[in-house]
Amino acid sequence: MTEPRQWNLAHGRNLALGEEALIMGILNITPDSFSDGGRFSSVESAVEAARRMAADGAVIIDIGGESTRPGAEPVSALEEQRRVIPVVEALAAEEGFVLSIDTYRSETAELAIRAGAHIVNDIFGVQRDPAVASVAAEAGAGLILMHTGRGREKLPDVVADQYFYLRRSIEIAHQAGNRDDQIILDPGFGFAKEWHEDTELMARFEELTGLGYPILVGTSRKRFIGRITGREVGERDVATAATSALLRIKGASVFRVHDVAANRDALRIADAMLAAKGGERG
């Protein structure tokens, strides 16, 4: 993307994309997420964590109630909602938060938007439950369409498979009535991808801008970073910040991370370089 654009969200909110990198802080209300499972077992602890992330520079808080790590046990829709809806309600009652619900279930998405969420972040790109797209359209919510290789055969070329999958997600979103100014894409680093596929995706990232939408990336503490650096999960924040800066320069707009402060600093350096160069923005 070369021009700044506005991302329109539910409840009359919007965010400017392009001029500065935006950080999405990860708030997992789960006992078994790969990095921070069990840390936020109460509404109070989750709200306090969100406040800290906002103070460190997060513009969006992404709230999830089911671990998406490989091999994680699925939870019921009711359990997911029991975990996330009280947190959404509590944060929506405070000023300033832009809230994202990390779910692939239309019922959870609808309840979260009613509770105050502005964005739906679907790891299956509305292809597992297409009604998610209808929920987002009706509410005018922001809609994050993520690429995944789970449950299907991928094309051998990593970028070709991105186009194949995400074009179908965009089609479903449009058919449900979502506008382009609601949609951003996520290439799904780490989701049914080998470490070398994630690395190649980073190297060829500029090719994804040809899809014509702003791009969110979620490399934070992912397995491919551990494979490259030899670091354990809790020691990957420095390398995550390096991937964020590199992908910002290559055109990404939004960065979903655990350690907000480290990524904020790295992204400020990348934004300063882009401003000095007068080059293309994500």
Protein backbone atom coordinates (compact mmCIF):
# COMPACT_ATOMS: atom_id res chain seq x y z
CA MET A 1 0.00 0.00 0.00
CA THR A 2 1.36 3.44 -0.88
CA GLU A 3 -1.38 5.71 0.46
CA PRO A 4 -2.69 6.03 4.02
CA ARG A 5 -6.21 4.73 4.48
CA GLN A 6 -8.88 4.52 7.13
CA TRP A 7 -9.92 1.25 8.74
CA ASN A 8 -13.58 1.50 9.70
CA LEU A 9 -14.72 -0.40 12.78
CA ALA A 10 -17.88 -1.10 14.78
CA HIS A 11 -19.48 1.47 17.10
CA GLY A 12 -18.39 4.37 14.92
CA ARG A 13 -14.67 3.91 15.53
CA ASN A 14 -11.91 4.01 12.94
CA LEU A 15 -8.14 3.81 12.79
CA ALA A 16 -5.69 5.45 10.41
CA LEU A 17 -3.43 2.96 8.65
CA GLY A 18 -0.19 3.80 6.92
CA GLU A 19 1.41 6.82 8.57
CA GLU A 20 2.48 4.94 11.68
CA ALA A 21 2.65 1.25 12.54
CA LEU A 22 -0.18 0.16 14.84
CA ILE A 23 0.35 -2.38 17.61
CA MET A 24 -2.24 -4.95 18.66
CA GLY A 25 -1.57 -6.36 22.11
CA ILE A 26 -2.38 -10.04 22.69
CA LEU A 27 -4.67 -10.81 25.62
CA ASN A 28 -5.27 -14.55 25.87
CA ILE A 29 -7.93 -15.54 28.39
CA THR A 30 -6.88 -19.18 28.20
CA PRO A 31 -5.16 -21.75 30.41
CA ASP A 32 -3.12 -23.27 27.58
CA SER A 33 -1.91 -20.69 25.05
CA PHE A 34 1.64 -21.48 23.94
CA SER A 35 3.20 -18.36 25.44
CA ASP A 36 1.00 -16.85 28.13
CA GLY A 37 -1.59 -19.46 29.02
CA GLY A 38 -3.11 -19.06 32.46
CA ARG A 39 -1.69 -15.59 33.16
CA PHE A 40 -5.03 -13.80 33.07
CA SER A 41 -7.46 -15.97 34.98
CA SER A 42 -9.70 -13.16 36.23
CA VAL A 43 -11.37 -10.16 34.64
CA GLU A 44 -9.37 -7.88 36.92
CA SER A 45 -6.00 -9.33 35.89
CA ALA A 46 -6.97 -9.18 32.20
CA VAL A 47 -8.07 -5.55 32.46
CA GLU A 48 -4.84 -4.62 34.24
CA ALA A 49 -2.81 -6.35 31.51
CA ALA A 50 -4.73 -4.44 28.83
CA ARG A 51 -4.02 -1.17 30.63
CA ARG A 52 -0.30 -1.97 30.72
CA MET A 53 -0.26 -2.80 27.01
CA ALA A 54 -2.07 0.44 26.19
CA ALA A 55 0.40 2.41 28.30
CA ASP A 56 3.26 0.74 26.41
CA GLY A 57 1.80 1.73 23.04
CA ALA A 58 -0.83 -0.83 22.01
CA VAL A 59 -3.65 0.77 20.03
CA ILE A 60 -5.74 -2.43 19.82
CA ILE A 61 -6.29 -5.17 22.41
CA ASP A 62 -6.98 -8.60 20.86
CA ILE A 63 -8.96 -10.80 23.25
CA GLY A 64 -9.03 -14.57 22.71
CA GLY A 65 -10.67 -17.39 24.64
CA GLU A 66 -9.33 -20.45 22.83
CA SER A 67 -5.71 -21.40 22.28
CA THR A 68 -4.78 -21.67 18.60
CA ARG A 69 -1.41 -23.33 19.17
CA PRO A 70 -0.82 -26.61 17.31
CA GLY A 71 -2.40 -29.53 19.18
CA ALA A 72 -4.45 -27.38 21.55
CA GLU A 73 -7.70 -28.85 22.83
CA PRO A 74 -10.74 -27.09 21.34
CA VAL A 75 -13.20 -25.47 23.70
CA SER A 76 -16.94 -25.09 23.34
CA ALA A 77 -18.51 -21.85 22.18
CA LEU A 78 -20.05 -21.40 25.63
CA GLU A 79 -16.69 -21.78 27.37
CA GLU A 80 -15.04 -19.38 24.95
CA GLN A 81 -17.79 -16.83 25.62
CA ARG A 82 -17.59 -17.35 29.38
CA ARG A 83 -13.93 -16.41 29.21
CA VAL A 84 -13.99 -13.43 26.86
CA ILE A 85 -17.32 -11.59 27.11
CA PRO A 86 -16.83 -10.29 30.69
CA VAL A 87 -13.38 -8.98 29.68
CA VAL A 88 -14.77 -7.25 26.59
CA GLU A 89 -17.53 -5.68 28.71
CA ALA A 90 -15.07 -4.48 31.33
CA LEU A 91 -12.69 -2.94 28.81
CA ALA A 92 -15.52 -1.40 26.78
CA ALA A 93 -16.61 0.41 29.93
CA GLU A 94 -13.27 2.23 30.01
CA GLU A 95 -12.34 5.07 27.69
CA GLY A 96 -9.99 4.67 24.76
CA PHE A 97 -9.69 0.94 24.12
CA VAL A 98 -10.11 -0.42 20.61
CA LEU A 99 -11.10 -4.06 21.12
CA SER A 100 -10.69 -7.07 18.84
CA ILE A 101 -12.29 -10.45 19.43
CA ASP A 102 -10.11 -13.37 18.31
CA THR A 103 -12.69 -15.97 17.28
CA TYR A 104 -13.81 -18.05 14.31
CA ARG A 105 -17.34 -18.49 15.71
CA SER A 106 -20.13 -16.19 14.55
CA GLU A 107 -22.04 -16.44 17.83
CA THR A 108 -19.02 -15.38 19.86
CA ALA A 109 -18.28 -12.58 17.40
CA GLU A 110 -21.83 -11.26 17.65
CA LEU A 111 -21.88 -11.35 21.44
CA ALA A 112 -18.48 -9.69 21.66
CA ILE A 113 -19.53 -6.85 19.35
CA ARG A 114 -22.68 -6.32 21.42
CA ALA A 115 -20.42 -6.18 24.48
CA GLY A 116 -18.28 -3.49 22.86
CA ALA A 117 -15.75 -5.12 20.51
CA HIS A 118 -14.84 -3.19 17.36
CA ILE A 119 -12.99 -5.83 15.32
CA VAL A 120 -13.40 -9.53 14.54
CA ASN A 121 -10.12 -11.42 14.07
CA ASP A 122 -10.85 -14.78 12.39
CA ILE A 123 -7.97 -17.26 12.09
CA PHE A 124 -9.88 -19.16 9.41
CA GLY A 125 -10.60 -16.08 7.31
CA VAL A 126 -14.41 -16.61 7.57
CA GLN A 127 -14.07 -19.94 5.76
CA ARG A 128 -14.85 -22.19 8.73
CA ASP A 129 -17.95 -20.24 9.78
CA PRO A 130 -18.93 -17.86 6.94
CA ALA A 131 -21.60 -16.31 9.19
CA VAL A 132 -18.75 -14.44 10.89
CA ALA A 133 -18.65 -12.28 7.76
CA SER A 134 -22.37 -11.51 8.10
CA VAL A 135 -21.94 -10.55 11.76
CA ALA A 136 -19.11 -8.16 10.85
CA ALA A 137 -21.06 -6.66 7.96
CA GLU A 138 -24.18 -6.03 10.03
CA ALA A 139 -22.16 -4.27 12.74
CA GLY A 140 -19.78 -2.47 10.40
CA ALA A 141 -16.95 -4.11 12.33
CA GLY A 142 -13.35 -4.32 11.30
CA LEU A 143 -12.64 -7.77 9.88
CA ILE A 144 -9.25 -9.49 9.92
CA LEU A 145 -9.06 -12.32 7.39
CA MET A 146 -6.23 -14.69 8.22
CA HIS A 147 -4.60 -17.28 5.98
CA THR A 148 -4.21 -20.78 7.33
CA GLY A 149 -3.09 -24.11 5.95
CA ARG A 150 -4.95 -26.10 8.57
CA GLY A 151 -7.29 -28.82 7.36
CA ARG A 152 -6.43 -28.59 3.67
CA GLU A 153 -3.73 -29.16 1.05
CA LYS A 154 -1.66 -26.09 0.34
CA LEU A 155 -0.28 -25.00 -2.99
CA PRO A 156 3.50 -25.56 -3.16
CA ASP A 157 4.31 -21.87 -3.62
CA VAL A 158 3.79 -19.92 -0.37
CA VAL A 159 2.65 -16.70 -2.00
CA ALA A 160 0.38 -18.44 -4.52
CA ASP A 161 -1.32 -20.21 -1.62
CA GLN A 162 -1.83 -16.88 0.15
CA TYR A 163 -3.59 -15.50 -2.92
CA PHE A 164 -5.64 -18.67 -3.39
CA TYR A 165 -6.91 -18.73 0.19
CA LEU A 166 -7.29 -15.04 0.93
CA ARG A 167 -9.11 -14.26 -2.32
CA ARG A 168 -11.77 -16.76 -1.26
CA SER A 169 -11.99 -15.11 2.18
CA ILE A 170 -12.38 -11.69 0.57
CA GLU A 171 -15.10 -13.05 -1.72
CA ILE A 172 -17.07 -14.43 1.26
CA ALA A 173 -16.66 -11.13 3.11
CA HIS A 174 -17.89 -9.13 0.12
CA GLN A 175 -20.85 -11.43 -0.46
CA ALA A 176 -21.91 -10.83 3.15
CA GLY A 177 -21.82 -7.08 2.62
CA ASN A 178 -18.46 -6.07 4.10
CA ARG A 179 -16.78 -3.05 2.53
CA ASP A 180 -13.12 -2.89 1.61
CA ASP A 181 -12.53 -0.26 4.29
CA GLN A 182 -13.46 -2.83 6.96
CA ILE A 183 -11.05 -5.56 5.78
CA ILE A 184 -7.41 -6.22 6.48
CA LEU A 185 -5.45 -9.40 5.79
CA ASP A 186 -3.15 -11.56 7.90
CA PRO A 187 -0.76 -14.05 6.23
CA GLY A 188 -0.96 -16.32 9.28
CA PHE A 189 2.67 -16.85 10.23
CA GLY A 190 3.01 -20.19 11.98
CA PHE A 191 -0.42 -21.56 11.08
CA ALA A 192 0.26 -24.92 9.38
CA LYS A 193 3.52 -23.59 7.96
CA GLU A 194 7.02 -25.00 8.25
CA TRP A 195 9.67 -22.65 9.58
CA HIS A 196 11.22 -22.23 6.14
CA GLU A 197 7.81 -21.30 4.69
CA ASP A 198 7.45 -18.55 7.29
CA THR A 199 10.93 -17.30 6.45
CA GLU A 200 10.19 -17.31 2.73
CA LEU A 201 6.94 -15.48 3.38
CA MET A 202 8.91 -12.76 5.14
CA ALA A 203 11.40 -12.56 2.28
CA ARG A 204 8.63 -12.23 -0.32
CA PHE A 205 6.28 -10.15 1.80
CA GLU A 206 6.00 -7.27 -0.69
CA GLU A 207 4.18 -9.64 -3.06
CA LEU A 208 1.26 -9.81 -0.64
CA THR A 209 0.53 -6.09 -1.05
CA GLY A 210 -0.71 -6.99 -4.54
CA LEU A 211 -3.92 -8.21 -2.92
CA GLY A 212 -4.78 -4.55 -2.36
CA TYR A 213 -5.49 -4.54 1.39
CA PRO A 214 -3.62 -3.45 4.50
CA ILE A 215 -1.81 -6.31 6.21
CA LEU A 216 -1.56 -7.37 9.84
CA VAL A 217 1.25 -9.68 10.92
CA GLY A 218 1.50 -11.94 13.95
CA THR A 219 5.02 -13.30 14.22
CA SER A 220 5.24 -12.88 18.00
CA ARG A 221 7.22 -15.69 19.69
CA LYS A 222 6.33 -18.06 16.85
CA ARG A 223 8.04 -21.39 16.34
CA PHE A 224 9.98 -20.28 13.26
CA ILE A 225 11.65 -17.57 15.35
CA GLY A 226 12.72 -20.23 17.83
CA ARG A 227 13.99 -22.44 15.01
CA ILE A 228 16.14 -19.62 13.63
CA THR A 229 17.42 -18.21 16.94
CA GLY A 230 17.47 -21.29 19.15
CA ARG A 231 15.48 -19.37 21.77
CA GLU A 232 12.68 -20.77 23.90
CA VAL A 233 9.21 -19.23 23.70
CA GLY A 234 9.69 -16.71 26.50
CA GLU A 235 13.01 -15.52 25.05
CA ARG A 236 11.83 -14.55 21.56
CA ASP A 237 10.71 -10.95 22.04
CA VAL A 238 13.90 -9.33 20.72
CA ALA A 239 13.77 -11.43 17.56
CA THR A 240 10.04 -10.75 17.26
CA ALA A 241 10.77 -7.02 17.31
CA ALA A 242 13.31 -7.56 14.52
CA THR A 243 10.67 -9.28 12.37
CA SER A 244 8.23 -6.45 13.08
CA ALA A 245 10.68 -3.79 11.91
CA LEU A 246 11.56 -5.76 8.78
CA LEU A 247 7.93 -6.40 7.88
CA ARG A 248 7.02 -2.77 8.51
CA ILE A 249 9.60 -1.72 5.96
CA LYS A 250 8.16 -4.34 3.58
CA GLY A 251 4.62 -2.98 3.91
CA ALA A 252 2.80 -4.33 7.00
CA SER A 253 0.48 -1.97 8.87
CA VAL A 254 -0.59 -3.71 12.12
CA PHE A 255 1.51 -5.89 14.44
CA ARG A 256 -0.02 -8.42 16.83
CA VAL A 257 2.48 -8.94 19.67
CA HIS A 258 2.97 -10.05 23.26
CA ASP A 259 5.74 -7.60 24.27
CA VAL A 260 4.32 -4.23 23.25
CA ALA A 261 7.18 -2.02 24.44
CA ALA A 262 9.94 -3.85 22.56
CA ASN A 263 7.97 -3.86 19.34
CA ARG A 264 6.94 -0.22 19.77
CA ASP A 265 10.60 0.82 19.88
CA ALA A 266 11.55 -1.31 16.87
CA LEU A 267 8.61 -0.01 14.87
CA ARG A 268 9.44 3.60 15.70
CA ILE A 269 12.87 3.06 14.18
CA ALA A 270 11.28 1.53 11.06
CA ASP A 271 8.79 4.39 10.78
CA ALA A 272 11.58 6.96 11.14
CA MET A 273 13.48 5.26 8.32
CA LEU A 274 10.42 5.26 6.11
CA ALA A 275 9.76 8.92 6.85
CA ALA A 276 13.36 9.86 6.08
CA LYS A 277 13.27 7.91 2.85
CA GLY A 278 9.83 9.12 1.86
CA GLY A 279 9.21 5.53 0.77
CA GLU A 280 6.13 3.37 0.58
CA ARG A 281 4.05 2.70 3.66
CA GLY A 282 2.04 -0.36 4.69
